[in-house]
Amino acid sequence: MRKVAICAAMVWLVVLASGCFDPEPGEISVRAVKNGRQQVCAVQVFNAKGNQIQERHTDFNGLVYVKQLTPGEYTLKFVDNRGNYYPAVKTVNVREGDSVILDVELTEAPAVPEA
């Protein structure tokens, strides 16, 4: 009976301790294209509460990596080099340890900057 109680206590400790660790972060890989060509732009990342948490810029190949994201839902907005927002807005769900690949076609002209 004592062995069963010890085993039960050990299982309980493992379950309790597993809640103490932060989830493994995820990432989003973005490839921005406009008219079939790679697009240099800023990618703004917003959390589920609508707060901007990161801004990254694509390279000359239209690629950018957004890393160290806790699991959750994120909204990505795309901005040209004049500060104008493209109409393309993407919502992405990142799970623990996920690596999400997102291809974005920026087909329309950017709108005037948001106030």
C-alpha atoms as a PDB file:
ATOM      1  CA  MET A   1       0.000   0.000   0.000  1.00  0.00           C
ATOM      2  CA  ARG A   2       2.875   2.346   0.793  1.00  0.00           C
ATOM      3  CA  LYS A   3       4.394   1.766  -2.706  1.00  0.00           C
ATOM      4  CA  VAL A   4       1.088   2.730  -4.333  1.00  0.00           C
ATOM      5  CA  ALA A   5       0.968   5.957  -2.327  1.00  0.00           C
ATOM      6  CA  ILE A   6       4.566   6.793  -3.249  1.00  0.00           C
ATOM      7  CA  CYS A   7       3.898   6.113  -6.951  1.00  0.00           C
ATOM      8  CA  ALA A   8       0.737   8.231  -6.830  1.00  0.00           C
ATOM      9  CA  ALA A   9       2.663  11.071  -5.177  1.00  0.00           C
ATOM     10  CA  MET A  10       5.397  10.865  -7.831  1.00  0.00           C
ATOM     11  CA  VAL A  11       2.840  10.998 -10.655  1.00  0.00           C
ATOM     12  CA  TRP A  12       1.156  13.984  -9.007  1.00  0.00           C
ATOM     13  CA  LEU A  13       4.520  15.770  -8.711  1.00  0.00           C
ATOM     14  CA  VAL A  14       5.314  15.160 -12.381  1.00  0.00           C
ATOM     15  CA  VAL A  15       1.909  16.511 -13.440  1.00  0.00           C
ATOM     16  CA  LEU A  16       2.273  19.502 -11.138  1.00  0.00           C
ATOM     17  CA  ALA A  17       5.823  20.243 -12.329  1.00  0.00           C
ATOM     18  CA  SER A  18       4.846  20.039 -16.004  1.00  0.00           C
ATOM     19  CA  GLY A  19       2.590  23.064 -15.490  1.00  0.00           C
ATOM     20  CA  CYS A  20       5.581  25.103 -14.310  1.00  0.00           C
ATOM     21  CA  PHE A  21       7.367  25.135 -17.643  1.00  0.00           C
ATOM     22  CA  ASP A  22       6.717  27.660 -20.365  1.00  0.00           C
ATOM     23  CA  PRO A  23       5.424  26.229 -23.631  1.00  0.00           C
ATOM     24  CA  GLU A  24       7.937  25.818 -26.443  1.00  0.00           C
ATOM     25  CA  PRO A  25       7.770  28.924 -28.665  1.00  0.00           C
ATOM     26  CA  GLY A  26       6.673  28.738 -32.270  1.00  0.00           C
ATOM     27  CA  GLU A  27       7.532  30.731 -35.358  1.00  0.00           C
ATOM     28  CA  ILE A  28       6.040  32.023 -38.596  1.00  0.00           C
ATOM     29  CA  SER A  29       7.955  32.050 -41.882  1.00  0.00           C
ATOM     30  CA  VAL A  30       6.528  34.593 -44.325  1.00  0.00           C
ATOM     31  CA  ARG A  31       7.166  34.908 -48.042  1.00  0.00           C
ATOM     32  CA  ALA A  32       5.710  38.110 -49.517  1.00  0.00           C
ATOM     33  CA  VAL A  33       5.156  38.313 -53.278  1.00  0.00           C
ATOM     34  CA  LYS A  34       3.653  41.021 -55.466  1.00  0.00           C
ATOM     35  CA  ASN A  35       2.898  40.364 -59.144  1.00  0.00           C
ATOM     36  CA  GLY A  36       4.992  37.194 -59.010  1.00  0.00           C
ATOM     37  CA  ARG A  37       8.076  38.973 -57.635  1.00  0.00           C
ATOM     38  CA  GLN A  38       9.511  38.990 -54.144  1.00  0.00           C
ATOM     39  CA  GLN A  39       8.364  41.987 -52.160  1.00  0.00           C
ATOM     40  CA  VAL A  40      10.341  43.960 -49.595  1.00  0.00           C
ATOM     41  CA  CYS A  41       7.973  45.186 -46.878  1.00  0.00           C
ATOM     42  CA  ALA A  42       7.480  45.438 -43.138  1.00  0.00           C
ATOM     43  CA  VAL A  43       5.482  42.729 -41.377  1.00  0.00           C
ATOM     44  CA  GLN A  44       3.720  43.856 -38.234  1.00  0.00           C
ATOM     45  CA  VAL A  45       2.696  41.120 -35.793  1.00  0.00           C
ATOM     46  CA  PHE A  46      -0.242  41.621 -33.420  1.00  0.00           C
ATOM     47  CA  ASN A  47      -1.297  39.295 -30.604  1.00  0.00           C
ATOM     48  CA  ALA A  48      -4.883  38.182 -29.938  1.00  0.00           C
ATOM     49  CA  LYS A  49      -5.486  41.306 -27.822  1.00  0.00           C
ATOM     50  CA  GLY A  50      -4.608  43.530 -30.802  1.00  0.00           C
ATOM     51  CA  ASN A  51      -1.269  44.707 -29.403  1.00  0.00           C
ATOM     52  CA  GLN A  52       1.642  44.958 -31.820  1.00  0.00           C
ATOM     53  CA  ILE A  53       4.377  42.715 -30.433  1.00  0.00           C
ATOM     54  CA  GLN A  54       6.906  42.648 -33.276  1.00  0.00           C
ATOM     55  CA  GLU A  55       7.806  44.272 -36.564  1.00  0.00           C
ATOM     56  CA  ARG A  56      10.146  42.559 -38.990  1.00  0.00           C
ATOM     57  CA  HIS A  57      11.246  43.431 -42.526  1.00  0.00           C
ATOM     58  CA  THR A  58      11.402  41.009 -45.403  1.00  0.00           C
ATOM     59  CA  ASP A  59      14.721  40.590 -47.162  1.00  0.00           C
ATOM     60  CA  PHE A  60      15.240  41.034 -50.904  1.00  0.00           C
ATOM     61  CA  ASN A  61      13.811  37.550 -51.428  1.00  0.00           C
ATOM     62  CA  GLY A  62      10.573  38.607 -49.716  1.00  0.00           C
ATOM     63  CA  LEU A  63      11.340  36.361 -46.713  1.00  0.00           C
ATOM     64  CA  VAL A  64      11.067  37.071 -43.016  1.00  0.00           C
ATOM     65  CA  TYR A  65      11.031  34.861 -39.930  1.00  0.00           C
ATOM     66  CA  VAL A  66       9.009  35.806 -36.868  1.00  0.00           C
ATOM     67  CA  LYS A  67      10.363  33.785 -33.950  1.00  0.00           C
ATOM     68  CA  GLN A  68       9.823  33.257 -30.221  1.00  0.00           C
ATOM     69  CA  LEU A  69       6.021  33.312 -30.393  1.00  0.00           C
ATOM     70  CA  THR A  70       4.054  31.843 -27.522  1.00  0.00           C
ATOM     71  CA  PRO A  71       1.192  29.605 -28.662  1.00  0.00           C
ATOM     72  CA  GLY A  72      -1.829  31.616 -29.744  1.00  0.00           C
ATOM     73  CA  GLU A  73      -3.449  33.562 -32.547  1.00  0.00           C
ATOM     74  CA  TYR A  74      -1.580  36.325 -34.361  1.00  0.00           C
ATOM     75  CA  THR A  75      -2.568  38.861 -36.999  1.00  0.00           C
ATOM     76  CA  LEU A  76      -0.024  39.971 -39.590  1.00  0.00           C
ATOM     77  CA  LYS A  77      -0.237  43.289 -41.448  1.00  0.00           C
ATOM     78  CA  PHE A  78       2.001  44.294 -44.337  1.00  0.00           C
ATOM     79  CA  VAL A  79       3.372  47.792 -44.883  1.00  0.00           C
ATOM     80  CA  ASP A  80       5.283  49.234 -47.867  1.00  0.00           C
ATOM     81  CA  ASN A  81       8.385  51.419 -47.542  1.00  0.00           C
ATOM     82  CA  ARG A  82       6.250  54.605 -47.418  1.00  0.00           C
ATOM     83  CA  GLY A  83       4.182  53.441 -44.434  1.00  0.00           C
ATOM     84  CA  ASN A  84       1.128  52.431 -46.470  1.00  0.00           C
ATOM     85  CA  TYR A  85      -0.742  49.281 -45.446  1.00  0.00           C
ATOM     86  CA  TYR A  86      -1.477  46.559 -47.973  1.00  0.00           C
ATOM     87  CA  PRO A  87      -5.056  45.233 -47.806  1.00  0.00           C
ATOM     88  CA  ALA A  88      -3.685  41.735 -47.147  1.00  0.00           C
ATOM     89  CA  VAL A  89      -4.181  40.885 -43.472  1.00  0.00           C
ATOM     90  CA  LYS A  90      -3.461  37.339 -42.333  1.00  0.00           C
ATOM     91  CA  THR A  91      -4.511  35.587 -39.132  1.00  0.00           C
ATOM     92  CA  VAL A  92      -2.310  32.692 -38.049  1.00  0.00           C
ATOM     93  CA  ASN A  93      -2.724  30.214 -35.207  1.00  0.00           C
ATOM     94  CA  VAL A  94       0.625  29.116 -33.753  1.00  0.00           C
ATOM     95  CA  ARG A  95       0.711  25.989 -31.613  1.00  0.00           C
ATOM     96  CA  GLU A  96       3.469  24.985 -29.228  1.00  0.00           C
ATOM     97  CA  GLY A  97       6.710  24.354 -31.150  1.00  0.00           C
ATOM     98  CA  ASP A  98       4.970  25.071 -34.471  1.00  0.00           C
ATOM     99  CA  SER A  99       6.703  26.394 -37.568  1.00  0.00           C
ATOM    100  CA  VAL A 100       4.006  27.956 -39.743  1.00  0.00           C
ATOM    101  CA  ILE A 101       4.827  28.758 -43.381  1.00  0.00           C
ATOM    102  CA  LEU A 102       2.794  31.577 -44.891  1.00  0.00           C
ATOM    103  CA  ASP A 103       2.846  32.710 -48.526  1.00  0.00           C
ATOM    104  CA  VAL A 104       1.280  36.139 -48.973  1.00  0.00           C
ATOM    105  CA  GLU A 105       0.306  37.656 -52.309  1.00  0.00           C
ATOM    106  CA  LEU A 106       0.225  41.451 -52.060  1.00  0.00           C
ATOM    107  CA  THR A 107      -1.946  42.007 -55.115  1.00  0.00           C
ATOM    108  CA  GLU A 108      -3.553  45.351 -54.414  1.00  0.00           C
ATOM    109  CA  ALA A 109      -1.977  48.755 -54.003  1.00  0.00           C
ATOM    110  CA  PRO A 110      -1.314  49.885 -50.435  1.00  0.00           C
ATOM    111  CA  ALA A 111      -3.869  52.100 -48.725  1.00  0.00           C
ATOM    112  CA  VAL A 112      -3.075  55.351 -46.954  1.00  0.00           C
ATOM    113  CA  PRO A 113      -1.412  54.974 -43.545  1.00  0.00           C
ATOM    114  CA  GLU A 114      -3.622  54.116 -40.585  1.00  0.00           C
ATOM    115  CA  ALA A 115      -4.172  56.930 -38.107  1.00  0.00           C
END
